[in-house]
Amino acid sequence: MVKLRLKRFGKKREASYRIVAMDSASRRDGRPLEELGIYNPRTGETRLDVPAITKRLQQGAKPTQTVHHILQRAQVYQQVNA
């Protein structure tokens, strides 16, 4: 099963995350199928590749709870249903 989840990168205590599509059985920092965006919780910055995310969601990818909230805040689900 393909999941949309966060992949950690950055220095200690200065973490930021990439939003990636990965196989659910692979490890957190393993090789992703596709990188879909960036999320920095320290600054609140979010950059998303919306067309690629909507494509993955239509193919049946399931987002984790944190990624779900990020996508809700960016109103990505309204574009999937349209």
Protein backbone atom coordinates (compact mmCIF):
# COMPACT_ATOMS: atom_id res chain seq x y z
CA MET A 1 0.00 0.00 0.00
CA VAL A 2 1.27 3.47 -0.86
CA LYS A 3 1.21 6.05 1.92
CA LEU A 4 1.81 9.79 1.91
CA ARG A 5 4.01 10.48 4.91
CA LEU A 6 6.79 12.65 6.30
CA LYS A 7 10.49 11.96 5.78
CA ARG A 8 12.73 13.72 8.30
CA PHE A 9 15.81 15.69 7.30
CA GLY A 10 17.88 18.50 8.77
CA LYS A 11 20.12 18.88 11.78
CA LYS A 12 19.42 17.75 15.33
CA ARG A 13 16.66 19.84 16.90
CA GLU A 14 16.22 21.68 13.59
CA ALA A 15 14.17 19.10 11.79
CA SER A 16 12.15 19.74 8.71
CA TYR A 17 10.28 17.19 6.64
CA ARG A 18 9.63 16.17 3.08
CA ILE A 19 6.19 14.92 2.16
CA VAL A 20 6.75 11.73 0.18
CA ALA A 21 4.88 8.82 -1.34
CA MET A 22 6.30 5.56 0.04
CA ASP A 23 5.43 1.92 0.35
CA SER A 24 3.91 1.44 3.81
CA ALA A 25 6.38 -1.36 4.67
CA SER A 26 9.51 0.74 4.07
CA ARG A 27 11.35 2.59 6.84
CA ARG A 28 10.75 6.26 7.63
CA ASP A 29 13.89 7.64 5.98
CA GLY A 30 14.05 5.07 3.20
CA ARG A 31 13.90 5.71 -0.52
CA PRO A 32 10.59 7.32 -1.55
CA LEU A 33 8.60 6.60 -4.68
CA GLU A 34 8.13 10.35 -5.20
CA GLU A 35 8.76 13.59 -3.30
CA LEU A 36 5.62 15.71 -3.12
CA GLY A 37 6.45 18.69 -0.94
CA ILE A 38 8.24 20.22 2.03
CA TYR A 39 6.98 20.99 5.54
CA ASN A 40 8.94 22.98 8.12
CA PRO A 41 7.19 22.99 11.52
CA ARG A 42 9.60 25.57 12.97
CA THR A 43 8.66 28.29 10.48
CA GLY A 44 5.28 26.94 9.39
CA GLU A 45 6.45 26.86 5.76
CA THR A 46 4.69 24.39 3.47
CA ARG A 47 5.44 23.86 -0.22
CA LEU A 48 3.30 21.27 -2.02
CA ASP A 49 3.28 19.80 -5.52
CA VAL A 50 -0.53 19.80 -5.66
CA PRO A 51 -1.00 18.09 -9.07
CA ALA A 52 1.25 15.20 -8.02
CA ILE A 53 -0.49 14.87 -4.64
CA THR A 54 -3.96 14.81 -6.20
CA LYS A 55 -2.75 12.17 -8.67
CA ARG A 56 -1.46 9.97 -5.83
CA LEU A 57 -4.66 10.41 -3.80
CA GLN A 58 -6.80 9.44 -6.81
CA GLN A 59 -4.65 6.34 -7.25
CA GLY A 60 -5.53 5.29 -3.70
CA ALA A 61 -2.61 6.49 -1.58
CA LYS A 62 -3.49 6.98 2.10
CA PRO A 63 -2.02 9.96 3.98
CA THR A 64 -0.84 9.66 7.56
CA GLN A 65 -2.68 11.72 10.16
CA THR A 66 -0.11 14.55 10.13
CA VAL A 67 0.01 14.73 6.34
CA HIS A 68 -3.80 14.66 6.27
CA HIS A 69 -3.90 17.80 8.45
CA ILE A 70 -1.28 19.55 6.29
CA LEU A 71 -3.27 18.78 3.14
CA GLN A 72 -6.51 19.91 4.79
CA ARG A 73 -4.93 23.22 5.77
CA ALA A 74 -3.73 23.72 2.17
CA GLN A 75 -7.23 22.82 0.83
CA VAL A 76 -5.89 20.03 -1.39
CA TYR A 77 -8.91 17.77 -0.81
CA GLN A 78 -11.23 20.30 -2.45
CA GLN A 79 -9.18 19.97 -5.66
CA VAL A 80 -9.29 16.16 -5.54
CA ASN A 81 -13.09 16.09 -5.32
CA ALA A 82 -13.56 18.71 -8.05
